[in-house]
Protein backbone atom coordinates (compact mmCIF):
# COMPACT_ATOMS: atom_id res chain seq x y z
CA MET A 1 -15.56 29.00 30.76
CA SER A 2 -12.19 30.71 31.21
CA GLU A 3 -11.44 28.68 34.37
CA LYS A 4 -12.11 25.32 32.69
CA GLN A 5 -10.31 24.11 29.60
CA LEU A 6 -12.66 22.21 27.28
CA ILE A 7 -11.78 19.84 24.47
CA HIS A 8 -13.79 18.83 21.42
CA VAL A 9 -14.71 15.12 21.32
CA THR A 10 -16.64 12.84 19.03
CA ILE A 11 -18.65 10.30 21.01
CA GLU A 12 -19.18 7.29 18.81
CA ASP A 13 -21.80 4.90 20.19
CA TYR A 14 -20.65 1.60 18.71
CA SER A 15 -22.88 -0.85 20.53
CA PHE A 16 -26.19 0.68 21.49
CA THR A 17 -27.90 3.29 19.32
CA HIS A 18 -25.08 3.73 16.77
CA CYS A 19 -25.21 7.50 16.88
CA VAL A 20 -22.34 9.96 16.73
CA LEU A 21 -22.30 13.14 18.85
CA GLN A 22 -20.04 16.15 18.70
CA SER A 23 -19.53 17.65 22.13
CA GLN A 24 -17.19 19.38 24.56
CA MET A 25 -15.67 17.78 27.61
CA GLU A 26 -13.77 19.24 30.50
CA LYS A 27 -10.07 18.54 30.18
CA ASP A 28 -8.15 16.63 32.88
CA GLY A 29 -11.28 14.96 34.27
CA SER A 30 -11.13 11.62 36.10
CA ILE A 31 -12.12 8.27 34.60
CA ASN A 32 -15.45 8.37 36.44
CA ALA A 33 -16.09 11.94 35.31
CA ILE A 34 -15.48 10.99 31.69
CA LYS A 35 -17.77 7.93 31.94
CA ASN A 36 -20.53 9.99 33.58
CA PHE A 37 -20.16 12.59 30.84
CA VAL A 38 -20.60 9.95 28.11
CA LYS A 39 -23.45 8.25 30.00
CA THR A 40 -25.32 11.55 30.22
CA LYS A 41 -24.75 12.46 26.59
CA LEU A 42 -25.98 9.09 25.28
CA GLY A 43 -28.67 8.50 27.87
CA LEU A 44 -27.12 5.23 29.02
CA LYS A 45 -28.64 4.27 32.36
CA ARG A 46 -27.96 0.71 33.49
CA GLN A 47 -26.11 -0.49 30.45
CA PRO A 48 -22.46 -1.24 31.31
CA PHE A 49 -19.93 -0.01 28.76
CA ILE A 50 -16.23 0.51 28.21
CA LEU A 51 -14.47 3.33 26.37
CA PHE A 52 -11.82 3.32 23.68
CA PHE A 53 -10.06 6.45 22.54
CA GLY A 54 -7.83 7.77 19.83
CA PRO A 55 -7.36 10.67 17.39
CA LYS A 56 -10.23 11.31 15.00
CA LYS A 57 -8.57 9.63 11.99
CA ALA A 58 -7.05 6.71 13.86
CA LYS A 59 -7.61 3.18 12.59
CA ARG A 60 -6.78 1.73 15.97
CA TYR A 61 -8.15 2.73 19.37
CA GLN A 62 -6.95 1.74 22.83
CA GLU A 63 -9.10 1.02 25.84
CA LEU A 64 -9.29 3.90 28.31
CA THR A 65 -7.98 2.99 31.76
CA LYS A 66 -6.57 4.84 34.74
CA ASN A 67 -3.08 3.88 33.59
CA ASN A 68 -3.32 5.56 30.21
CA LEU A 69 -5.57 8.51 31.07
CA ASN A 70 -2.70 10.93 30.45
CA SER A 71 -2.46 9.57 26.89
CA LEU A 72 -6.01 10.76 26.26
CA TRP A 73 -5.07 14.32 27.15
CA GLU A 74 -1.89 14.11 25.05
CA VAL A 75 -4.01 13.19 22.03
CA ALA A 76 -6.50 15.95 22.87
CA ASN A 77 -3.71 18.55 22.86
CA LYS A 78 -2.92 17.73 19.24
CA GLU A 79 -6.25 17.01 17.56
CA PRO A 80 -9.92 16.17 18.20
CA VAL A 81 -10.53 13.02 20.23
CA VAL A 82 -12.89 10.14 19.49
CA LEU A 83 -14.42 8.30 22.44
CA GLN A 84 -15.74 5.00 21.18
CA VAL A 85 -18.43 3.46 23.40
CA ARG A 86 -18.56 -0.32 23.46
CA ARG A 87 -20.79 -2.78 25.27
CA LYS A 88 -19.03 -4.27 28.30
CA VAL A 89 -18.84 -8.04 27.93
CA ASP A 90 -18.64 -10.49 30.81
CA LEU A 91 -16.03 -13.09 29.82
CA SER A 92 -16.51 -15.27 32.90
CA LYS A 93 -18.51 -17.87 30.92
CA VAL A 94 -15.69 -18.12 28.37
CA ARG A 95 -13.25 -18.69 31.22
CA GLU A 96 -15.53 -21.40 32.61
CA LEU A 97 -15.50 -23.00 29.17
CA ARG A 98 -11.72 -22.93 29.33
CA LYS A 99 -11.75 -24.88 32.58
CA MET A 100 -14.04 -27.51 31.04
CA MET A 101 -11.73 -28.17 28.09
CA THR A 102 -10.31 -31.65 27.59
CA THR A 103 -6.83 -31.49 26.08
CA GLY A 104 -3.95 -33.92 25.97
CA ASP A 105 -4.03 -37.66 25.29
CA VAL A 106 -7.31 -39.09 24.06
CA ASP A 107 -8.58 -42.46 25.25
CA LEU A 108 -9.20 -44.27 21.96
CA PRO A 109 -10.76 -47.66 21.29
CA VAL A 110 -8.22 -50.45 20.85
CA SER A 111 -9.52 -51.29 17.37
CA VAL A 112 -8.77 -47.93 15.72
CA LEU A 113 -5.71 -46.69 13.87
CA LYS A 114 -3.92 -43.68 15.30
CA VAL A 115 -1.08 -41.89 13.58
CA ASP A 116 1.74 -40.05 15.31
CA ASN A 117 3.14 -36.60 14.68
CA VAL A 118 6.87 -37.40 14.68
CA ILE A 119 10.14 -35.84 13.58
CA PRO A 120 11.40 -36.57 10.03
CA ASP A 121 14.13 -38.95 11.26
CA GLU A 122 11.52 -41.15 12.93
CA THR A 123 9.42 -41.15 9.75
CA ARG A 124 12.45 -42.26 7.72
CA LYS A 125 13.13 -45.08 10.17
CA ARG A 126 9.55 -46.33 9.86
CA LEU A 127 9.62 -46.02 6.07
CA GLN A 128 12.88 -47.97 5.80
CA THR A 129 11.59 -50.65 8.19
CA VAL A 130 8.45 -51.15 6.07
CA ALA A 131 10.54 -51.32 2.87
CA ARG A 132 13.01 -53.79 4.41
CA ASP A 133 10.23 -56.04 5.74
CA PHE A 134 8.58 -56.02 2.32
CA LEU A 135 11.83 -57.07 0.58
CA GLU A 136 12.36 -59.86 3.09
CA GLU A 137 8.83 -61.14 2.41
CA ILE A 138 9.53 -61.12 -1.34
CA ALA A 139 12.70 -63.14 -0.84
CA LYS A 140 10.89 -65.61 1.41
CA ASP A 141 7.56 -66.03 -0.42
CA PRO A 142 6.87 -63.70 -3.39
CA LYS A 143 3.27 -64.84 -3.72
CA ALA A 144 2.43 -63.80 -0.12
CA ALA A 145 4.45 -60.57 -0.07
CA ALA A 146 2.20 -57.52 0.34
CA PHE A 147 1.87 -54.05 1.77
CA ARG A 148 -0.85 -54.24 4.43
CA ILE A 149 -2.48 -50.83 4.22
CA PRO A 150 -5.29 -49.66 6.53
CA ALA A 151 -8.50 -49.49 4.50
CA ARG A 152 -9.76 -45.92 4.15
CA SER A 153 -13.13 -46.94 2.72
CA SER A 154 -16.34 -45.71 4.37
CA GLU A 155 -16.97 -49.19 5.81
CA ASN A 156 -13.82 -48.84 7.93
CA VAL A 157 -14.61 -45.30 9.15
CA GLY A 158 -16.95 -44.51 12.02
CA TYR A 159 -17.87 -41.99 14.71
CA ASP A 160 -16.67 -42.77 18.24
CA ASP A 161 -18.94 -41.19 20.86
CA ASN A 162 -16.32 -41.45 23.61
CA SER A 163 -13.61 -39.42 21.85
CA LYS A 164 -16.22 -37.51 19.78
CA MET A 165 -14.20 -37.99 16.61
CA VAL A 166 -14.40 -39.79 13.29
CA LEU A 167 -11.84 -42.60 13.44
CA LEU A 168 -10.34 -45.20 11.14
CA GLY A 169 -10.83 -48.86 12.01
CA SER A 170 -8.28 -51.66 12.06
CA HIS A 171 -9.28 -53.39 8.81
CA VAL A 172 -6.39 -53.62 6.32
CA VAL A 173 -6.14 -54.27 2.59
CA ASP A 174 -3.30 -56.37 1.14
CA ARG A 175 -1.59 -54.96 -1.92
CA GLN A 176 0.19 -58.06 -3.13
CA PHE A 177 3.46 -58.00 -5.01
CA ARG A 178 2.54 -60.83 -7.41
CA HIS A 179 -1.18 -60.18 -7.90
CA LEU A 180 -2.28 -58.67 -11.22
CA SER A 181 -4.97 -56.48 -9.63
CA SER A 182 -2.52 -54.72 -7.30
CA VAL A 183 0.92 -54.93 -8.88
CA LYS A 184 0.50 -51.51 -10.52
CA SER A 185 -0.48 -49.81 -7.23
CA VAL A 186 2.47 -51.53 -5.50
CA VAL A 187 4.85 -50.03 -8.06
CA GLN A 188 3.21 -46.62 -7.61
CA LEU A 189 3.39 -46.87 -3.82
CA THR A 190 7.09 -47.75 -3.88
CA GLY A 191 7.61 -44.71 -6.11
CA ILE A 192 5.94 -42.45 -3.52
CA MET A 193 8.05 -44.10 -0.79
CA ARG A 194 11.22 -43.32 -2.73
CA TYR A 195 10.32 -39.66 -3.28
CA VAL A 196 9.19 -39.12 0.32
CA ASN A 197 12.46 -40.66 1.53
CA GLU A 198 14.33 -38.17 -0.68
CA ILE A 199 12.63 -35.11 0.77
CA LEU A 200 13.14 -36.40 4.31
CA GLU A 201 16.85 -36.96 3.58
CA THR A 202 17.27 -33.41 2.27
CA GLU A 203 15.16 -31.97 5.14
CA LYS A 204 12.97 -30.16 2.63
CA HIS A 205 9.20 -29.94 2.17
CA ALA A 206 7.31 -30.89 -0.96
CA THR A 207 3.76 -30.18 -2.05
CA LYS A 208 1.47 -32.97 -3.18
CA ARG A 209 1.58 -31.40 -6.65
CA HIS A 210 5.39 -31.53 -6.61
CA LEU A 211 5.36 -35.26 -5.80
CA PHE A 212 2.94 -35.93 -8.65
CA TYR A 213 5.29 -34.22 -11.10
CA ARG A 214 8.22 -36.40 -10.04
CA ASP A 215 6.76 -39.07 -12.35
CA VAL A 216 3.55 -38.14 -14.15
CA ASN A 217 3.71 -41.30 -16.28
CA LEU A 218 3.84 -43.50 -13.20
CA PHE A 219 1.00 -41.77 -11.32
CA GLU A 220 -1.06 -40.76 -14.41
CA ASN A 221 -3.10 -38.15 -12.48
CA GLN A 222 -2.76 -36.32 -9.18
CA ARG A 223 -5.72 -38.06 -7.55
CA VAL A 224 -3.66 -41.26 -7.66
CA SER A 225 -0.54 -39.74 -6.09
CA ASP A 226 -2.62 -37.88 -3.48
CA GLY A 227 -4.30 -41.14 -2.47
CA LEU A 228 -0.94 -42.89 -2.27
CA ILE A 229 0.38 -40.20 0.07
CA GLU A 230 -2.57 -40.83 2.41
CA ASP A 231 -2.00 -44.60 2.10
CA LEU A 232 1.66 -44.19 3.02
CA GLY A 233 0.81 -42.06 6.06
CA ALA A 234 -1.64 -44.71 7.26
CA LEU A 235 0.87 -47.48 6.54
CA LEU A 236 3.63 -45.75 8.53
CA ARG A 237 1.21 -44.54 11.22
CA VAL A 238 2.45 -40.95 10.80
CA SER A 239 0.76 -37.67 9.89
CA ARG A 240 1.28 -36.11 6.50
CA ASN A 241 3.12 -33.30 8.26
CA SER A 242 5.60 -35.90 9.59
CA MET A 243 6.47 -36.83 5.99
CA ASN A 244 7.23 -33.17 5.12
CA VAL A 245 4.45 -33.36 2.54
CA ILE A 246 2.34 -30.23 2.41
CA ALA A 247 -0.72 -28.95 0.55
CA SER A 248 -1.60 -25.41 -0.41
CA ALA A 249 -2.86 -23.55 2.66
CA LYS A 250 -5.50 -20.82 2.56
CA GLY A 251 -5.92 -20.03 6.25
CA LYS A 252 -5.24 -16.66 7.88
CA VAL A 253 -4.85 -15.53 11.47
CA ILE A 254 -4.97 -12.15 13.19
CA GLY A 255 -5.31 -11.12 16.81
CA ARG A 256 -3.77 -11.53 20.23
CA MET A 257 -1.09 -14.07 19.40
CA SER A 258 2.57 -14.32 18.50
CA PHE A 259 4.85 -17.17 17.45
CA THR A 260 8.08 -17.86 15.63
CA GLU A 261 7.97 -19.16 12.07
CA GLY A 262 11.22 -20.45 10.66
CA GLY A 263 12.97 -18.44 13.39
CA ASP A 264 11.15 -15.17 12.57
CA LYS A 265 8.90 -13.55 15.17
CA ILE A 266 5.31 -13.10 13.97
CA ASP A 267 3.07 -10.61 15.80
CA CYS A 268 -0.49 -11.33 14.72
CA THR A 269 -1.80 -7.99 16.02
CA GLN A 270 0.02 -6.22 13.19
CA GLY A 271 -1.35 -5.58 9.71
CA LEU A 272 -4.89 -5.55 8.37
CA GLY A 273 -5.39 -8.64 6.24
CA GLY A 274 -4.07 -11.26 8.66
CA HIS A 275 -1.01 -13.50 8.54
CA ALA A 276 -1.10 -16.51 6.21
CA ILE A 277 -0.98 -19.84 8.06
CA THR A 278 1.96 -21.79 6.72
CA PRO A 279 1.55 -25.43 5.70
CA MET A 280 5.04 -26.02 7.20
CA LEU A 281 3.70 -26.17 10.74
CA ASP A 282 6.80 -27.98 11.97
CA GLN A 283 8.48 -24.57 11.54
CA VAL A 284 5.99 -22.86 13.89
CA GLU A 285 7.11 -22.64 17.52
CA ASN A 286 6.77 -20.62 20.73
CA LEU A 287 3.05 -19.87 20.56
CA GLU A 288 2.09 -17.11 23.01
CA SER A 289 -1.27 -15.42 23.58
CA ASP A 290 -3.30 -13.49 26.15
CA ALA A 291 -6.53 -14.19 24.22
CA GLU A 292 -9.61 -15.51 25.99
CA PHE A 293 -10.90 -17.41 22.95
CA VAL A 294 -10.38 -18.17 19.27
CA LEU A 295 -13.11 -17.22 16.80
CA VAL A 296 -13.07 -19.48 13.73
CA ILE A 297 -14.87 -17.68 10.90
CA GLU A 298 -16.27 -19.35 7.80
CA LYS A 299 -16.12 -16.41 5.41
CA ASP A 300 -13.01 -14.43 4.49
CA ALA A 301 -15.13 -11.28 3.97
CA VAL A 302 -16.36 -11.42 7.57
CA PHE A 303 -12.82 -12.16 8.79
CA GLN A 304 -11.67 -9.00 6.99
CA ASP A 305 -14.48 -6.96 8.57
CA LEU A 306 -13.51 -8.06 12.07
CA ALA A 307 -9.80 -7.62 11.32
CA GLU A 308 -10.29 -4.07 10.03
CA ASP A 309 -12.39 -3.27 13.09
CA LYS A 310 -9.59 -4.62 15.36
CA PHE A 311 -12.24 -6.69 17.10
CA PHE A 312 -9.47 -8.47 19.02
CA ASN A 313 -8.61 -5.21 20.79
CA TYR A 314 -12.18 -4.95 22.04
CA LEU A 315 -12.56 -8.59 23.12
CA PRO A 316 -9.19 -10.32 23.64
CA CYS A 317 -9.30 -13.04 21.00
CA VAL A 318 -7.65 -14.59 17.96
CA LEU A 319 -9.47 -14.59 14.60
CA ILE A 320 -8.89 -17.44 12.13
CA THR A 321 -10.46 -18.25 8.76
CA ALA A 322 -9.95 -20.97 6.16
CA SER A 323 -12.25 -19.18 3.69
CA GLY A 324 -14.80 -21.98 3.50
CA GLN A 325 -14.03 -25.69 3.81
CA PRO A 326 -10.93 -25.88 6.02
CA ASP A 327 -7.59 -27.03 4.66
CA MET A 328 -5.39 -29.38 6.65
CA ALA A 329 -2.87 -26.71 7.74
CA THR A 330 -5.58 -24.46 9.20
CA ARG A 331 -7.17 -27.36 11.07
CA MET A 332 -3.83 -28.46 12.49
CA PHE A 333 -2.96 -24.87 13.47
CA ILE A 334 -6.27 -24.45 15.33
CA LYS A 335 -5.70 -27.79 17.06
CA ARG A 336 -2.24 -26.70 18.22
CA VAL A 337 -3.51 -23.37 19.52
CA HIS A 338 -6.30 -25.15 21.38
CA GLU A 339 -3.97 -27.77 22.89
CA GLU A 340 -0.82 -25.76 23.60
CA LEU A 341 -2.43 -22.53 24.79
CA GLU A 342 -5.59 -24.15 26.20
CA ILE A 343 -7.85 -21.58 24.56
CA PRO A 344 -11.56 -22.29 23.81
CA ILE A 345 -12.58 -22.37 20.13
CA LEU A 346 -15.85 -20.73 19.02
CA GLY A 347 -17.25 -21.25 15.51
CA PHE A 348 -18.89 -18.44 13.52
CA LEU A 349 -20.51 -19.91 10.41
CA ASP A 350 -23.51 -19.61 8.10
CA ALA A 351 -26.89 -20.79 9.40
CA ASP A 352 -27.24 -23.42 6.70
CA PRO A 353 -26.42 -27.14 6.30
CA TYR A 354 -23.08 -26.39 4.66
CA GLY A 355 -21.98 -24.08 7.48
CA LEU A 356 -22.76 -26.89 9.90
CA ASP A 357 -20.87 -29.34 7.69
CA ILE A 358 -17.79 -27.11 7.95
CA LEU A 359 -18.20 -27.00 11.72
CA ARG A 360 -18.44 -30.80 11.69
CA VAL A 361 -15.02 -31.05 10.00
CA TYR A 362 -13.44 -28.77 12.62
CA SER A 363 -15.16 -30.64 15.43
CA ILE A 364 -15.04 -34.39 14.72
CA GLY A 365 -12.79 -34.57 11.66
CA SER A 366 -13.40 -35.75 8.11
CA LYS A 367 -13.85 -39.25 6.74
CA ALA A 368 -11.09 -38.68 4.18
CA LEU A 369 -8.52 -37.98 6.92
CA SER A 370 -10.10 -40.07 9.68
CA PHE A 371 -6.73 -41.61 10.57
CA GLU A 372 -5.45 -38.10 11.45
CA SER A 373 -8.49 -36.95 13.45
CA VAL A 374 -6.55 -36.95 16.73
CA GLU A 375 -4.10 -34.43 15.21
CA LEU A 376 -6.77 -32.30 13.51
CA ALA A 377 -10.16 -32.42 15.26
CA VAL A 378 -11.28 -30.13 18.11
CA PRO A 379 -14.31 -31.86 19.70
CA ASP A 380 -14.57 -29.02 22.26
CA ILE A 381 -15.40 -26.41 19.61
CA ARG A 382 -18.64 -24.52 20.31
CA TRP A 383 -21.11 -23.26 17.70
CA LEU A 384 -21.47 -19.58 18.57
CA GLY A 385 -23.37 -18.48 15.51
CA LEU A 386 -25.02 -17.83 13.25
CA LEU A 387 -27.56 -20.15 14.87
CA PRO A 388 -30.86 -20.67 13.03
CA SER A 389 -32.59 -19.64 16.27
CA ASP A 390 -30.73 -16.30 16.13
CA ILE A 391 -32.66 -15.29 13.00
CA GLU A 392 -35.82 -14.71 15.04
CA GLU A 393 -34.06 -13.85 18.31
CA TYR A 394 -32.16 -10.95 16.74
CA GLN A 395 -34.92 -10.08 14.24
CA ILE A 396 -32.78 -10.48 11.15
CA PRO A 397 -34.64 -8.75 8.27
CA LYS A 398 -36.57 -11.10 5.97
CA ALA A 399 -35.01 -9.39 2.96
CA VAL A 400 -31.62 -11.00 3.71
CA LEU A 401 -32.92 -14.52 4.40
CA ILE A 402 -32.63 -17.25 1.76
CA LYS A 403 -35.14 -20.00 1.04
CA MET A 404 -33.89 -23.53 1.71
CA THR A 405 -33.53 -25.50 -1.53
CA GLU A 406 -34.43 -29.13 -2.03
CA ASN A 407 -30.73 -30.00 -1.76
CA ASP A 408 -30.48 -27.98 1.45
CA MET A 409 -33.37 -29.91 2.95
CA LYS A 410 -31.85 -33.24 1.94
CA ARG A 411 -28.47 -32.30 3.40
CA ALA A 412 -30.11 -31.15 6.64
CA ASP A 413 -32.06 -34.41 6.83
CA ASP A 414 -28.86 -36.38 6.25
CA LEU A 415 -27.20 -34.49 9.11
CA LEU A 416 -30.04 -35.45 11.46
CA ASN A 417 -29.21 -39.10 10.78
CA GLU A 418 -25.51 -38.66 11.59
CA ASP A 419 -24.39 -40.18 14.89
CA PHE A 420 -22.47 -37.05 15.88
CA VAL A 421 -25.63 -34.92 15.56
CA LYS A 422 -27.71 -37.45 17.49
CA SER A 423 -25.21 -37.11 20.34
CA ARG A 424 -25.62 -33.31 20.31
CA PRO A 425 -29.31 -32.46 21.03
CA GLU A 426 -28.74 -28.71 20.68
CA TRP A 427 -27.28 -29.14 17.19
CA GLU A 428 -30.28 -31.29 16.27
CA LYS A 429 -32.63 -28.59 17.58
CA GLN A 430 -30.96 -25.94 15.40
CA ILE A 431 -31.17 -28.11 12.28
CA ARG A 432 -34.88 -28.69 12.89
CA ILE A 433 -35.48 -24.95 13.25
CA MET A 434 -33.80 -24.48 9.89
CA MET A 435 -35.99 -27.12 8.28
CA ASP A 436 -39.23 -25.98 9.95
CA THR A 437 -38.79 -22.35 8.90
CA GLY A 438 -37.44 -23.24 5.47
CA LYS A 439 -35.01 -20.34 5.79
CA LYS A 440 -31.23 -20.07 5.94
CA ALA A 441 -28.89 -17.12 6.35
CA GLU A 442 -25.26 -16.28 5.75
CA ILE A 443 -23.34 -14.51 8.50
CA GLN A 444 -23.20 -11.38 6.33
CA ALA A 445 -26.99 -11.18 6.81
CA LEU A 446 -26.26 -9.58 10.19
CA ALA A 447 -25.34 -6.44 8.28
CA GLY A 448 -29.01 -6.29 7.29
CA LYS A 449 -29.64 -4.71 10.70
CA ASN A 450 -26.83 -2.15 10.29
CA TRP A 451 -23.15 -2.21 9.39
CA ARG A 452 -21.98 -2.41 12.99
CA PHE A 453 -24.54 -4.83 14.33
CA MET A 454 -22.23 -7.85 14.04
CA THR A 455 -19.29 -6.40 15.97
CA GLY A 456 -21.17 -3.95 18.14
CA THR A 457 -24.16 -5.99 19.27
CA TYR A 458 -24.43 -9.56 18.01
CA LEU A 459 -21.03 -11.06 18.89
CA PRO A 460 -20.66 -9.19 22.22
CA SER A 461 -24.19 -10.21 23.28
CA LYS A 462 -23.67 -13.85 22.32
CA ILE A 463 -20.37 -14.13 24.17
CA ASP A 464 -21.68 -12.24 27.20
CA ALA A 465 -24.64 -14.62 27.46
CA ALA A 466 -22.58 -17.74 26.63
CA ASP A 467 -25.16 -18.35 23.89
CA TRP A 468 -23.36 -21.16 22.08
CA VAL A 469 -24.13 -24.84 21.53
């Protein structure tokens, strides 16, 4: 004992049996010696694992490698050491998914409307051209003068199997200057055009709420002004972002990523609660990341669990949530990360019809913003979990399962009739499992196994096995 210096360690088995052992380890041992010591103590035979270490009260651990072995002994000289044992995950399937990604220009049908993401000066030019053409039509033939706006009704929206997105068709609606049924909406539209031109001139951003309050008597309620903003974007063939019109954002990001925002450097590995995704995405530049994938999480509570656990230090990833139905800024941010960094996107949502509906919005876009699908949708997104088939596969306790309601069943049946589901047999299979069992589950149900099951077993196992659809 006098010839060997021993240190006190806590061996925390995070991924296998979830036990904690107090023990003594020989100081200055090699990496292999340390791993053999842990393997013996926990009875791990053929299960591959990796080690993280840090002081006993640390909130953040670093992976143990040959390069930082001396750091382990430096910590041990000051206070007791924690060796955290994690399942080793093979990321080769994620890297294969990365190679299969289709990014860049999308081959769209000729008959659909596509908007552009352009700089404010270009938007102003288009706006002024439309206004000038309209005035010339009035001078020439007032009865025929009209704004020809792409129809955003459901009849003009459809799913395109080639691009795997919901797109807006080419049908237009005339809002005539001299027609009683449309003269009011023409006046309202010209009001929106004037206010949008003002914010573009001043190089400022305005919320949809702000635009409504420019003339509440003209617009009467915000639903009207919101609809006019979408009409104007479709008319000019530009994204809402190109008009410097923003909506309240609720998305957050944390993990292996950095970027500049308004000139300030943002390191997303810092902090606990995540960095708020700005709706002013034209101010976000220089995206950098060494992440292998992005995990898009439905629930903020689960996002916080993974953020607190520093899950991105264990598996190199970026965590993003929109806390339910995704807002436009979060969708556009995910699209940019996917396109610019060429990182696969994995979805982590509830095993119920509404979780799948959220995934649908991320994947193929929404009918309401079908004309912006190219700028917002990520058809390559994969459904990692919680899959309805996982409930039996991972033996989720019955006590945390929820009975499908009549509305749930109807929504699931409606999804089966959607073209995008029919083109995805694995999605259809999962919906049928949900309906056959009559059970649904939220992702928090994974805690029904134990508090660390989600981060220690479920997610690592799913990613290791490439068990996504």
